[in-house]
Amino acid sequence: MTTKTRVSFQELLSASPVILGEGAVIERLRRSAGVRLDEHVVNSALIYQDMGRSALEAICRQYLDIGQRYNIPLLLSTPTWRAGKERIAAAGLAEALATAGADFLLASTLPALSEAIG
């Protein structure tokens, strides 16, 4: 049995010459049978649906399995694409990220200041 130790993102970057990153998750979800992406927050709303959680879990599990198989750390993003304040409100969802205890936030492809502030 292996013991798992939590390390910070900074420690992971310093200690790992290679880090596996997931890619095209939204496109994979878009092509999944039975999955409907939200018009406002795309894949963020999937965590509230059984089918959506299952689809997200299956994709994430594939990346986790690859990382474990080759002993490569994994940077796996949360399903928070387009999760800005206005879009979250329009989708009828609550903004809980601030209290989730994340130790690193990656902000990419932010075409509007409102998304970055969210």
PDB file of N, CA and C in Angstrom:
ATOM      1  N   MET A   1       0.846  -1.181   0.000  1.00  0.00           N
ATOM      2  CA  MET A   1       0.000   0.000   0.000  1.00  0.00           C
ATOM      3  C   MET A   1       0.889   1.241   0.000  1.00  0.00           C
ATOM      4  N   THR A   2       0.572   2.191  -0.869  1.00  0.00           N
ATOM      5  CA  THR A   2       1.360   3.415  -0.934  1.00  0.00           C
ATOM      6  C   THR A   2       0.717   4.491  -0.077  1.00  0.00           C
ATOM      7  N   THR A   3       1.555   5.344   0.478  1.00  0.00           N
ATOM      8  CA  THR A   3       1.073   6.463   1.260  1.00  0.00           C
ATOM      9  C   THR A   3       1.075   7.698   0.386  1.00  0.00           C
ATOM     10  N   LYS A   4      -0.026   8.411   0.357  1.00  0.00           N
ATOM     11  CA  LYS A   4      -0.136   9.614  -0.458  1.00  0.00           C
ATOM     12  C   LYS A   4       0.059  10.825   0.430  1.00  0.00           C
ATOM     13  N   THR A   5       0.922  11.714  -0.006  1.00  0.00           N
ATOM     14  CA  THR A   5       1.197  12.939   0.716  1.00  0.00           C
ATOM     15  C   THR A   5       0.759  14.119  -0.124  1.00  0.00           C
ATOM     16  N   ARG A   6       0.056  15.041   0.480  1.00  0.00           N
ATOM     17  CA  ARG A   6      -0.382  16.243  -0.241  1.00  0.00           C
ATOM     18  C   ARG A   6       0.787  17.221  -0.301  1.00  0.00           C
ATOM     19  N   VAL A   7       1.058  17.709  -1.493  1.00  0.00           N
ATOM     20  CA  VAL A   7       2.090  18.723  -1.683  1.00  0.00           C
ATOM     21  C   VAL A   7       1.451  19.946  -2.334  1.00  0.00           C
ATOM     22  N   SER A   8       2.029  21.091  -2.114  1.00  0.00           N
ATOM     23  CA  SER A   8       1.492  22.310  -2.718  1.00  0.00           C
ATOM     24  C   SER A   8       1.838  22.322  -4.201  1.00  0.00           C
ATOM     25  N   PHE A   9       1.151  23.164  -4.933  1.00  0.00           N
ATOM     26  CA  PHE A   9       1.408  23.282  -6.362  1.00  0.00           C
ATOM     27  C   PHE A   9       2.835  23.762  -6.607  1.00  0.00           C
ATOM     28  N   GLN A  10       3.299  24.700  -5.793  1.00  0.00           N
ATOM     29  CA  GLN A  10       4.659  25.209  -5.938  1.00  0.00           C
ATOM     30  C   GLN A  10       5.689  24.093  -5.734  1.00  0.00           C
ATOM     31  N   GLU A  11       5.479  23.233  -4.740  1.00  0.00           N
ATOM     32  CA  GLU A  11       6.390  22.106  -4.500  1.00  0.00           C
ATOM     33  C   GLU A  11       6.379  21.147  -5.684  1.00  0.00           C
ATOM     34  N   LEU A  12       5.201  20.920  -6.239  1.00  0.00           N
ATOM     35  CA  LEU A  12       5.071  20.032  -7.395  1.00  0.00           C
ATOM     36  C   LEU A  12       5.845  20.580  -8.591  1.00  0.00           C
ATOM     37  N   LEU A  13       5.714  21.874  -8.854  1.00  0.00           N
ATOM     38  CA  LEU A  13       6.448  22.496  -9.962  1.00  0.00           C
ATOM     39  C   LEU A  13       7.957  22.393  -9.764  1.00  0.00           C
ATOM     40  N   SER A  14       8.398  22.576  -8.534  1.00  0.00           N
ATOM     41  CA  SER A  14       9.831  22.536  -8.248  1.00  0.00           C
ATOM     42  C   SER A  14      10.410  21.131  -8.364  1.00  0.00           C
ATOM     43  N   ALA A  15       9.624  20.134  -8.013  1.00  0.00           N
ATOM     44  CA  ALA A  15      10.137  18.768  -7.933  1.00  0.00           C
ATOM     45  C   ALA A  15       9.924  17.926  -9.186  1.00  0.00           C
ATOM     46  N   SER A  16       9.104  18.388 -10.111  1.00  0.00           N
ATOM     47  CA  SER A  16       8.720  17.551 -11.249  1.00  0.00           C
ATOM     48  C   SER A  16       9.189  18.122 -12.581  1.00  0.00           C
ATOM     49  N   PRO A  17      10.009  17.380 -13.314  1.00  0.00           N
ATOM     50  CA  PRO A  17      10.441  17.867 -14.623  1.00  0.00           C
ATOM     51  C   PRO A  17       9.309  17.832 -15.654  1.00  0.00           C
ATOM     52  N   VAL A  18       8.323  16.971 -15.440  1.00  0.00           N
ATOM     53  CA  VAL A  18       7.192  16.828 -16.358  1.00  0.00           C
ATOM     54  C   VAL A  18       5.914  16.747 -15.536  1.00  0.00           C
ATOM     55  N   ILE A  19       4.890  17.460 -15.981  1.00  0.00           N
ATOM     56  CA  ILE A  19       3.578  17.387 -15.338  1.00  0.00           C
ATOM     57  C   ILE A  19       2.545  17.132 -16.425  1.00  0.00           C
ATOM     58  N   LEU A  20       1.737  16.108 -16.250  1.00  0.00           N
ATOM     59  CA  LEU A  20       0.675  15.774 -17.192  1.00  0.00           C
ATOM     60  C   LEU A  20      -0.481  16.757 -17.003  1.00  0.00           C
ATOM     61  N   GLY A  21      -0.999  17.286 -18.095  1.00  0.00           N
ATOM     62  CA  GLY A  21      -2.150  18.180 -18.036  1.00  0.00           C
ATOM     63  C   GLY A  21      -3.277  17.636 -18.876  1.00  0.00           C
ATOM     64  N   GLU A  22      -4.484  17.787 -18.394  1.00  0.00           N
ATOM     65  CA  GLU A  22      -5.633  17.333 -19.177  1.00  0.00           C
ATOM     66  C   GLU A  22      -5.865  18.293 -20.321  1.00  0.00           C
ATOM     67  N   GLY A  23      -6.593  17.831 -21.315  1.00  0.00           N
ATOM     68  CA  GLY A  23      -6.853  18.677 -22.461  1.00  0.00           C
ATOM     69  C   GLY A  23      -8.164  18.355 -23.139  1.00  0.00           C
ATOM     70  N   ALA A  24      -8.791  19.364 -23.664  1.00  0.00           N
ATOM     71  CA  ALA A  24     -10.019  19.236 -24.458  1.00  0.00           C
ATOM     72  C   ALA A  24     -11.162  18.550 -23.714  1.00  0.00           C
ATOM     73  N   VAL A  25     -11.239  18.749 -22.406  1.00  0.00           N
ATOM     74  CA  VAL A  25     -12.307  18.116 -21.621  1.00  0.00           C
ATOM     75  C   VAL A  25     -13.674  18.577 -22.102  1.00  0.00           C
ATOM     76  N   ILE A  26     -13.831  19.868 -22.341  1.00  0.00           N
ATOM     77  CA  ILE A  26     -15.139  20.367 -22.780  1.00  0.00           C
ATOM     78  C   ILE A  26     -15.525  19.764 -24.125  1.00  0.00           C
ATOM     79  N   GLU A  27     -14.576  19.646 -25.036  1.00  0.00           N
ATOM     80  CA  GLU A  27     -14.888  19.037 -26.331  1.00  0.00           C
ATOM     81  C   GLU A  27     -15.257  17.565 -26.178  1.00  0.00           C
ATOM     82  N   ARG A  28     -14.602  16.876 -25.275  1.00  0.00           N
ATOM     83  CA  ARG A  28     -14.952  15.472 -25.030  1.00  0.00           C
ATOM     84  C   ARG A  28     -16.346  15.373 -24.429  1.00  0.00           C
ATOM     85  N   LEU A  29     -16.688  16.281 -23.527  1.00  0.00           N
ATOM     86  CA  LEU A  29     -18.025  16.298 -22.935  1.00  0.00           C
ATOM     87  C   LEU A  29     -19.073  16.634 -23.984  1.00  0.00           C
ATOM     88  N   ARG A  30     -18.756  17.586 -24.853  1.00  0.00           N
ATOM     89  CA  ARG A  30     -19.690  18.000 -25.905  1.00  0.00           C
ATOM     90  C   ARG A  30     -20.084  16.808 -26.784  1.00  0.00           C
ATOM     91  N   ARG A  31     -19.201  15.865 -26.933  1.00  0.00           N
ATOM     92  CA  ARG A  31     -19.443  14.700 -27.792  1.00  0.00           C
ATOM     93  C   ARG A  31     -19.957  13.481 -27.017  1.00  0.00           C
ATOM     94  N   SER A  32     -20.163  13.648 -25.711  1.00  0.00           N
ATOM     95  CA  SER A  32     -20.653  12.539 -24.880  1.00  0.00           C
ATOM     96  C   SER A  32     -22.171  12.452 -24.942  1.00  0.00           C
ATOM     97  N   ALA A  33     -22.666  11.259 -25.157  1.00  0.00           N
ATOM     98  CA  ALA A  33     -24.118  11.045 -25.206  1.00  0.00           C
ATOM     99  C   ALA A  33     -24.736  11.367 -23.854  1.00  0.00           C
ATOM    100  N   GLY A  34     -25.842  12.089 -23.875  1.00  0.00           N
ATOM    101  CA  GLY A  34     -26.573  12.388 -22.651  1.00  0.00           C
ATOM    102  C   GLY A  34     -26.056  13.576 -21.863  1.00  0.00           C
ATOM    103  N   VAL A  35     -24.982  14.200 -22.311  1.00  0.00           N
ATOM    104  CA  VAL A  35     -24.417  15.353 -21.598  1.00  0.00           C
ATOM    105  C   VAL A  35     -24.859  16.627 -22.302  1.00  0.00           C
ATOM    106  N   ARG A  36     -25.408  17.551 -21.525  1.00  0.00           N
ATOM    107  CA  ARG A  36     -25.832  18.845 -22.066  1.00  0.00           C
ATOM    108  C   ARG A  36     -25.037  19.933 -21.360  1.00  0.00           C
ATOM    109  N   LEU A  37     -24.281  20.686 -22.132  1.00  0.00           N
ATOM    110  CA  LEU A  37     -23.499  21.782 -21.574  1.00  0.00           C
ATOM    111  C   LEU A  37     -24.384  23.007 -21.399  1.00  0.00           C
ATOM    112  N   ASP A  38     -24.194  23.721 -20.301  1.00  0.00           N
ATOM    113  CA  ASP A  38     -24.993  24.893 -19.990  1.00  0.00           C
ATOM    114  C   ASP A  38     -24.623  26.056 -20.918  1.00  0.00           C
ATOM    115  N   GLU A  39     -25.613  26.796 -21.380  1.00  0.00           N
ATOM    116  CA  GLU A  39     -25.348  27.907 -22.291  1.00  0.00           C
ATOM    117  C   GLU A  39     -24.563  29.040 -21.626  1.00  0.00           C
ATOM    118  N   HIS A  40     -24.602  29.135 -20.311  1.00  0.00           N
ATOM    119  CA  HIS A  40     -23.923  30.217 -19.609  1.00  0.00           C
ATOM    120  C   HIS A  40     -22.551  29.807 -19.060  1.00  0.00           C
ATOM    121  N   VAL A  41     -22.481  28.648 -18.441  1.00  0.00           N
ATOM    122  CA  VAL A  41     -21.244  28.235 -17.762  1.00  0.00           C
ATOM    123  C   VAL A  41     -20.647  26.946 -18.315  1.00  0.00           C
ATOM    124  N   VAL A  42     -21.084  26.536 -19.453  1.00  0.00           N
ATOM    125  CA  VAL A  42     -20.580  25.377 -20.189  1.00  0.00           C
ATOM    126  C   VAL A  42     -20.591  24.124 -19.310  1.00  0.00           C
ATOM    127  N   ASN A  43     -19.426  23.676 -18.814  1.00  0.00           N
ATOM    128  CA  ASN A  43     -19.369  22.423 -18.054  1.00  0.00           C
ATOM    129  C   ASN A  43     -19.492  22.606 -16.548  1.00  0.00           C
ATOM    130  N   SER A  44     -19.527  23.831 -16.057  1.00  0.00           N
ATOM    131  CA  SER A  44     -19.588  24.063 -14.615  1.00  0.00           C
ATOM    132  C   SER A  44     -20.847  23.486 -13.973  1.00  0.00           C
ATOM    133  N   ALA A  45     -21.954  23.519 -14.682  1.00  0.00           N
ATOM    134  CA  ALA A  45     -23.217  23.042 -14.127  1.00  0.00           C
ATOM    135  C   ALA A  45     -23.297  21.515 -14.043  1.00  0.00           C
ATOM    136  N   LEU A  46     -22.384  20.818 -14.692  1.00  0.00           N
ATOM    137  CA  LEU A  46     -22.449  19.348 -14.716  1.00  0.00           C
ATOM    138  C   LEU A  46     -22.281  18.715 -13.337  1.00  0.00           C
ATOM    139  N   ILE A  47     -21.633  19.412 -12.410  1.00  0.00           N
ATOM    140  CA  ILE A  47     -21.442  18.834 -11.082  1.00  0.00           C
ATOM    141  C   ILE A  47     -22.756  18.670 -10.333  1.00  0.00           C
ATOM    142  N   TYR A  48     -23.820  19.326 -10.794  1.00  0.00           N
ATOM    143  CA  TYR A  48     -25.124  19.241 -10.154  1.00  0.00           C
ATOM    144  C   TYR A  48     -26.028  18.174 -10.759  1.00  0.00           C
ATOM    145  N   GLN A  49     -25.523  17.425 -11.733  1.00  0.00           N
ATOM    146  CA  GLN A  49     -26.320  16.396 -12.416  1.00  0.00           C
ATOM    147  C   GLN A  49     -25.609  15.045 -12.303  1.00  0.00           C
ATOM    148  N   ASP A  50     -26.364  13.984 -12.045  1.00  0.00           N
ATOM    149  CA  ASP A  50     -25.758  12.650 -11.951  1.00  0.00           C
ATOM    150  C   ASP A  50     -25.004  12.278 -13.221  1.00  0.00           C
ATOM    151  N   MET A  51     -25.634  12.463 -14.381  1.00  0.00           N
ATOM    152  CA  MET A  51     -25.002  12.123 -15.657  1.00  0.00           C
ATOM    153  C   MET A  51     -23.759  12.983 -15.892  1.00  0.00           C
ATOM    154  N   GLY A  52     -23.856  14.264 -15.546  1.00  0.00           N
ATOM    155  CA  GLY A  52     -22.728  15.167 -15.718  1.00  0.00           C
ATOM    156  C   GLY A  52     -21.549  14.798 -14.835  1.00  0.00           C
ATOM    157  N   ARG A  53     -21.828  14.493 -13.566  1.00  0.00           N
ATOM    158  CA  ARG A  53     -20.750  14.069 -12.657  1.00  0.00           C
ATOM    159  C   ARG A  53     -20.102  12.782 -13.139  1.00  0.00           C
ATOM    160  N   SER A  54     -20.896  11.869 -13.631  1.00  0.00           N
ATOM    161  CA  SER A  54     -20.350  10.601 -14.139  1.00  0.00           C
ATOM    162  C   SER A  54     -19.453  10.827 -15.351  1.00  0.00           C
ATOM    163  N   ALA A  55     -19.879  11.719 -16.245  1.00  0.00           N
ATOM    164  CA  ALA A  55     -19.074  12.016 -17.433  1.00  0.00           C
ATOM    165  C   ALA A  55     -17.761  12.688 -17.042  1.00  0.00           C
ATOM    166  N   LEU A  56     -17.826  13.649 -16.130  1.00  0.00           N
ATOM    167  CA  LEU A  56     -16.617  14.314 -15.651  1.00  0.00           C
ATOM    168  C   LEU A  56     -15.687  13.324 -14.959  1.00  0.00           C
ATOM    169  N   GLU A  57     -16.260  12.474 -14.139  1.00  0.00           N
ATOM    170  CA  GLU A  57     -15.454  11.479 -13.418  1.00  0.00           C
ATOM    171  C   GLU A  57     -14.751  10.525 -14.380  1.00  0.00           C
ATOM    172  N   ALA A  58     -15.442  10.091 -15.404  1.00  0.00           N
ATOM    173  CA  ALA A  58     -14.840   9.154 -16.361  1.00  0.00           C
ATOM    174  C   ALA A  58     -13.644   9.783 -17.077  1.00  0.00           C
ATOM    175  N   ILE A  59     -13.799  11.033 -17.483  1.00  0.00           N
ATOM    176  CA  ILE A  59     -12.700  11.714 -18.171  1.00  0.00           C
ATOM    177  C   ILE A  59     -11.532  11.957 -17.216  1.00  0.00           C
ATOM    178  N   CYS A  60     -11.828  12.443 -16.035  1.00  0.00           N
ATOM    179  CA  CYS A  60     -10.768  12.688 -15.040  1.00  0.00           C
ATOM    180  C   CYS A  60     -10.066  11.394 -14.651  1.00  0.00           C
ATOM    181  N   ARG A  61     -10.815  10.315 -14.532  1.00  0.00           N
ATOM    182  CA  ARG A  61     -10.241   9.019 -14.161  1.00  0.00           C
ATOM    183  C   ARG A  61      -9.229   8.566 -15.205  1.00  0.00           C
ATOM    184  N   GLN A  62      -9.515   8.808 -16.487  1.00  0.00           N
ATOM    185  CA  GLN A  62      -8.569   8.425 -17.533  1.00  0.00           C
ATOM    186  C   GLN A  62      -7.236   9.143 -17.347  1.00  0.00           C
ATOM    187  N   TYR A  63      -7.283  10.439 -17.066  1.00  0.00           N
ATOM    188  CA  TYR A  63      -6.046  11.194 -16.839  1.00  0.00           C
ATOM    189  C   TYR A  63      -5.334  10.718 -15.569  1.00  0.00           C
ATOM    190  N   LEU A  64      -6.096  10.488 -14.504  1.00  0.00           N
ATOM    191  CA  LEU A  64      -5.497   9.986 -13.260  1.00  0.00           C
ATOM    192  C   LEU A  64      -4.805   8.646 -13.486  1.00  0.00           C
ATOM    193  N   ASP A  65      -5.452   7.767 -14.223  1.00  0.00           N
ATOM    194  CA  ASP A  65      -4.871   6.447 -14.505  1.00  0.00           C
ATOM    195  C   ASP A  65      -3.568   6.557 -15.294  1.00  0.00           C
ATOM    196  N   ILE A  66      -3.523   7.474 -16.263  1.00  0.00           N
ATOM    197  CA  ILE A  66      -2.297   7.665 -17.042  1.00  0.00           C
ATOM    198  C   ILE A  66      -1.180   8.170 -16.131  1.00  0.00           C
ATOM    199  N   GLY A  67      -1.490   9.151 -15.302  1.00  0.00           N
ATOM    200  CA  GLY A  67      -0.495   9.677 -14.370  1.00  0.00           C
ATOM    201  C   GLY A  67       0.031   8.613 -13.429  1.00  0.00           C
ATOM    202  N   GLN A  68      -0.858   7.795 -12.896  1.00  0.00           N
ATOM    203  CA  GLN A  68      -0.432   6.716 -12.000  1.00  0.00           C
ATOM    204  C   GLN A  68       0.383   5.665 -12.741  1.00  0.00           C
ATOM    205  N   ARG A  69      -0.055   5.303 -13.932  1.00  0.00           N
ATOM    206  CA  ARG A  69       0.642   4.268 -14.699  1.00  0.00           C
ATOM    207  C   ARG A  69       2.092   4.667 -14.986  1.00  0.00           C
ATOM    208  N   TYR A  70       2.312   5.946 -15.296  1.00  0.00           N
ATOM    209  CA  TYR A  70       3.649   6.405 -15.670  1.00  0.00           C
ATOM    210  C   TYR A  70       4.339   7.232 -14.573  1.00  0.00           C
ATOM    211  N   ASN A  71       3.726   7.266 -13.394  1.00  0.00           N
ATOM    212  CA  ASN A  71       4.274   7.982 -12.242  1.00  0.00           C
ATOM    213  C   ASN A  71       4.584   9.442 -12.586  1.00  0.00           C
ATOM    214  N   ILE A  72       3.589  10.110 -13.205  1.00  0.00           N
ATOM    215  CA  ILE A  72       3.702  11.509 -13.596  1.00  0.00           C
ATOM    216  C   ILE A  72       2.641  12.294 -12.824  1.00  0.00           C
ATOM    217  N   PRO A  73       3.033  13.396 -12.175  1.00  0.00           N
ATOM    218  CA  PRO A  73       2.018  14.216 -11.497  1.00  0.00           C
ATOM    219  C   PRO A  73       1.051  14.815 -12.518  1.00  0.00           C
ATOM    220  N   LEU A  74      -0.166  15.082 -12.057  1.00  0.00           N
ATOM    221  CA  LEU A  74      -1.230  15.546 -12.940  1.00  0.00           C
ATOM    222  C   LEU A  74      -1.765  16.890 -12.490  1.00  0.00           C
ATOM    223  N   LEU A  75      -1.893  17.812 -13.430  1.00  0.00           N
ATOM    224  CA  LEU A  75      -2.572  19.077 -13.193  1.00  0.00           C
ATOM    225  C   LEU A  75      -3.945  18.948 -13.837  1.00  0.00           C
ATOM    226  N   LEU A  76      -4.961  18.800 -13.007  1.00  0.00           N
ATOM    227  CA  LEU A  76      -6.321  18.584 -13.474  1.00  0.00           C
ATOM    228  C   LEU A  76      -7.161  19.797 -13.095  1.00  0.00           C
ATOM    229  N   SER A  77      -7.774  20.415 -14.063  1.00  0.00           N
ATOM    230  CA  SER A  77      -8.559  21.620 -13.817  1.00  0.00           C
ATOM    231  C   SER A  77      -9.948  21.287 -13.303  1.00  0.00           C
ATOM    232  N   THR A  78     -10.530  22.243 -12.604  1.00  0.00           N
ATOM    233  CA  THR A  78     -11.910  22.090 -12.145  1.00  0.00           C
ATOM    234  C   THR A  78     -12.857  22.483 -13.274  1.00  0.00           C
ATOM    235  N   PRO A  79     -14.095  22.028 -13.220  1.00  0.00           N
ATOM    236  CA  PRO A  79     -15.054  22.407 -14.268  1.00  0.00           C
ATOM    237  C   PRO A  79     -15.624  23.798 -14.007  1.00  0.00           C
ATOM    238  N   THR A  80     -14.787  24.807 -14.165  1.00  0.00           N
ATOM    239  CA  THR A  80     -15.226  26.175 -13.878  1.00  0.00           C
ATOM    240  C   THR A  80     -15.063  27.097 -15.080  1.00  0.00           C
ATOM    241  N   TRP A  81     -15.104  26.536 -16.271  1.00  0.00           N
ATOM    242  CA  TRP A  81     -14.993  27.344 -17.482  1.00  0.00           C
ATOM    243  C   TRP A  81     -16.146  28.340 -17.534  1.00  0.00           C
ATOM    244  N   ARG A  82     -15.846  29.570 -17.792  1.00  0.00           N
ATOM    245  CA  ARG A  82     -16.841  30.652 -17.875  1.00  0.00           C
ATOM    246  C   ARG A  82     -17.580  30.872 -16.556  1.00  0.00           C
ATOM    247  N   ALA A  83     -16.970  30.563 -15.458  1.00  0.00           N
ATOM    248  CA  ALA A  83     -17.643  30.687 -14.161  1.00  0.00           C
ATOM    249  C   ALA A  83     -17.447  32.077 -13.558  1.00  0.00           C
ATOM    250  N   GLY A  84     -17.687  33.098 -14.364  1.00  0.00           N
ATOM    251  CA  GLY A  84     -17.650  34.471 -13.873  1.00  0.00           C
ATOM    252  C   GLY A  84     -18.944  34.797 -13.139  1.00  0.00           C
ATOM    253  N   LYS A  85     -18.912  35.854 -12.364  1.00  0.00           N
ATOM    254  CA  LYS A  85     -20.040  36.246 -11.509  1.00  0.00           C
ATOM    255  C   LYS A  85     -21.357  36.347 -12.280  1.00  0.00           C
ATOM    256  N   GLU A  86     -21.338  37.042 -13.414  1.00  0.00           N
ATOM    257  CA  GLU A  86     -22.576  37.236 -14.180  1.00  0.00           C
ATOM    258  C   GLU A  86     -23.093  35.927 -14.774  1.00  0.00           C
ATOM    259  N   ARG A  87     -22.199  35.119 -15.314  1.00  0.00           N
ATOM    260  CA  ARG A  87     -22.624  33.850 -15.926  1.00  0.00           C
ATOM    261  C   ARG A  87     -23.148  32.874 -14.874  1.00  0.00           C
ATOM    262  N   ILE A  88     -22.533  32.853 -13.713  1.00  0.00           N
ATOM    263  CA  ILE A  88     -23.010  31.980 -12.640  1.00  0.00           C
ATOM    264  C   ILE A  88     -24.418  32.384 -12.223  1.00  0.00           C
ATOM    265  N   ALA A  89     -24.638  33.668 -12.079  1.00  0.00           N
ATOM    266  CA  ALA A  89     -25.978  34.158 -11.729  1.00  0.00           C
ATOM    267  C   ALA A  89     -26.987  33.824 -12.822  1.00  0.00           C
ATOM    268  N   ALA A  90     -26.609  34.007 -14.090  1.00  0.00           N
ATOM    269  CA  ALA A  90     -27.520  33.707 -15.201  1.00  0.00           C
ATOM    270  C   ALA A  90     -27.871  32.225 -15.264  1.00  0.00           C
ATOM    271  N   ALA A  91     -26.936  31.376 -14.845  1.00  0.00           N
ATOM    272  CA  ALA A  91     -27.181  29.935 -14.847  1.00  0.00           C
ATOM    273  C   ALA A  91     -27.937  29.479 -13.605  1.00  0.00           C
ATOM    274  N   GLY A  92     -28.140  30.388 -12.647  1.00  0.00           N
ATOM    275  CA  GLY A  92     -28.852  30.041 -11.421  1.00  0.00           C
ATOM    276  C   GLY A  92     -28.009  29.213 -10.464  1.00  0.00           C
ATOM    277  N   LEU A  93     -26.700  29.423 -10.472  1.00  0.00           N
ATOM    278  CA  LEU A  93     -25.789  28.663  -9.615  1.00  0.00           C
ATOM    279  C   LEU A  93     -25.180  29.578  -8.556  1.00  0.00           C
ATOM    280  N   ALA A  94     -24.645  29.004  -7.457  1.00  0.00           N
ATOM    281  CA  ALA A  94     -23.973  29.761  -6.394  1.00  0.00           C
ATOM    282  C   ALA A  94     -22.465  29.769  -6.663  1.00  0.00           C
ATOM    283  N   GLU A  95     -21.710  30.840  -6.406  1.00  0.00           N
ATOM    284  CA  GLU A  95     -20.244  30.945  -6.533  1.00  0.00           C
ATOM    285  C   GLU A  95     -19.603  30.511  -5.227  1.00  0.00           C
ATOM    286  N   ALA A  96     -19.138  29.170  -5.152  1.00  0.00           N
ATOM    287  CA  ALA A  96     -18.589  28.591  -3.929  1.00  0.00           C
ATOM    288  C   ALA A  96     -17.079  28.442  -3.977  1.00  0.00           C
ATOM    289  N   LEU A  97     -16.445  28.845  -5.065  1.00  0.00           N
ATOM    290  CA  LEU A  97     -15.002  28.670  -5.219  1.00  0.00           C
ATOM    291  C   LEU A  97     -14.210  29.378  -4.126  1.00  0.00           C
ATOM    292  N   ALA A  98     -14.652  30.548  -3.698  1.00  0.00           N
ATOM    293  CA  ALA A  98     -13.914  31.329  -2.707  1.00  0.00           C
ATOM    294  C   ALA A  98     -13.762  30.594  -1.384  1.00  0.00           C
ATOM    295  N   THR A  99     -14.670  29.694  -1.057  1.00  0.00           N
ATOM    296  CA  THR A  99     -14.600  28.979   0.216  1.00  0.00           C
ATOM    297  C   THR A  99     -14.149  27.529   0.058  1.00  0.00           C
ATOM    298  N   ALA A 100     -13.704  27.158  -1.137  1.00  0.00           N
ATOM    299  CA  ALA A 100     -13.365  25.762  -1.406  1.00  0.00           C
ATOM    300  C   ALA A 100     -11.978  25.351  -0.928  1.00  0.00           C
ATOM    301  N   GLY A 101     -11.126  26.298  -0.590  1.00  0.00           N
ATOM    302  CA  GLY A 101      -9.797  25.958  -0.091  1.00  0.00           C
ATOM    303  C   GLY A 101      -8.785  25.642  -1.179  1.00  0.00           C
ATOM    304  N   ALA A 102      -8.962  26.182  -2.372  1.00  0.00           N
ATOM    305  CA  ALA A 102      -8.013  25.929  -3.460  1.00  0.00           C
ATOM    306  C   ALA A 102      -6.666  26.568  -3.132  1.00  0.00           C
ATOM    307  N   ASP A 103      -5.569  25.881  -3.510  1.00  0.00           N
ATOM    308  CA  ASP A 103      -4.246  26.460  -3.251  1.00  0.00           C
ATOM    309  C   ASP A 103      -3.612  27.021  -4.512  1.00  0.00           C
ATOM    310  N   PHE A 104      -4.284  26.898  -5.641  1.00  0.00           N
ATOM    311  CA  PHE A 104      -3.768  27.455  -6.888  1.00  0.00           C
ATOM    312  C   PHE A 104      -4.929  27.694  -7.833  1.00  0.00           C
ATOM    313  N   LEU A 105      -4.958  28.842  -8.480  1.00  0.00           N
ATOM    314  CA  LEU A 105      -5.977  29.141  -9.481  1.00  0.00           C
ATOM    315  C   LEU A 105      -5.293  29.422 -10.805  1.00  0.00           C
ATOM    316  N   LEU A 106      -5.768  28.785 -11.846  1.00  0.00           N
ATOM    317  CA  LEU A 106      -5.264  28.992 -13.196  1.00  0.00           C
ATOM    318  C   LEU A 106      -6.340  29.740 -13.969  1.00  0.00           C
ATOM    319  N   ALA A 107      -6.016  30.903 -14.437  1.00  0.00           N
ATOM    320  CA  ALA A 107      -6.956  31.691 -15.223  1.00  0.00           C
ATOM    321  C   ALA A 107      -6.435  31.751 -16.649  1.00  0.00           C
ATOM    322  N   SER A 108      -7.156  31.123 -17.554  1.00  0.00           N
ATOM    323  CA  SER A 108      -6.725  31.117 -18.944  1.00  0.00           C
ATOM    324  C   SER A 108      -7.885  31.500 -19.844  1.00  0.00           C
ATOM    325  N   THR A 109      -7.566  32.078 -20.952  1.00  0.00           N
ATOM    326  CA  THR A 109      -8.543  32.488 -21.954  1.00  0.00           C
ATOM    327  C   THR A 109      -9.670  33.302 -21.325  1.00  0.00           C
ATOM    328  N   LEU A 110      -9.320  34.431 -20.776  1.00  0.00           N
ATOM    329  CA  LEU A 110     -10.314  35.314 -20.172  1.00  0.00           C
ATOM    330  C   LEU A 110     -10.554  36.498 -21.104  1.00  0.00           C
ATOM    331  N   PRO A 111     -11.569  36.396 -21.963  1.00  0.00           N
ATOM    332  CA  PRO A 111     -11.801  37.444 -22.951  1.00  0.00           C
ATOM    333  C   PRO A 111     -12.447  38.703 -22.382  1.00  0.00           C
ATOM    334  N   ALA A 112     -12.923  38.636 -21.148  1.00  0.00           N
ATOM    335  CA  ALA A 112     -13.587  39.805 -20.550  1.00  0.00           C
ATOM    336  C   ALA A 112     -13.133  39.980 -19.116  1.00  0.00           C
ATOM    337  N   LEU A 113     -12.995  41.213 -18.681  1.00  0.00           N
ATOM    338  CA  LEU A 113     -12.595  41.501 -17.308  1.00  0.00           C
ATOM    339  C   LEU A 113     -13.581  40.886 -16.314  1.00  0.00           C
ATOM    340  N   SER A 114     -14.858  40.852 -16.653  1.00  0.00           N
ATOM    341  CA  SER A 114     -15.866  40.284 -15.745  1.00  0.00           C
ATOM    342  C   SER A 114     -15.597  38.811 -15.451  1.00  0.00           C
ATOM    343  N   GLU A 115     -15.054  38.071 -16.421  1.00  0.00           N
ATOM    344  CA  GLU A 115     -14.715  36.664 -16.168  1.00  0.00           C
ATOM    345  C   GLU A 115     -13.528  36.558 -15.231  1.00  0.00           C
ATOM    346  N   ALA A 116     -12.555  37.427 -15.380  1.00  0.00           N
ATOM    347  CA  ALA A 116     -11.375  37.392 -14.515  1.00  0.00           C
ATOM    348  C   ALA A 116     -11.750  37.761 -13.084  1.00  0.00           C
ATOM    349  N   ILE A 117     -12.630  38.729 -12.907  1.00  0.00           N
ATOM    350  CA  ILE A 117     -13.062  39.140 -11.567  1.00  0.00           C
ATOM    351  C   ILE A 117     -13.876  38.054 -10.909  1.00  0.00           C
ATOM    352  N   GLY A 118     -14.670  37.305 -11.693  1.00  0.00           N
ATOM    353  CA  GLY A 118     -15.521  36.248 -11.161  1.00  0.00           C
ATOM    354  C   GLY A 118     -14.740  35.208 -10.446  1.00  0.00           C
TER     355      GLY A 118
END
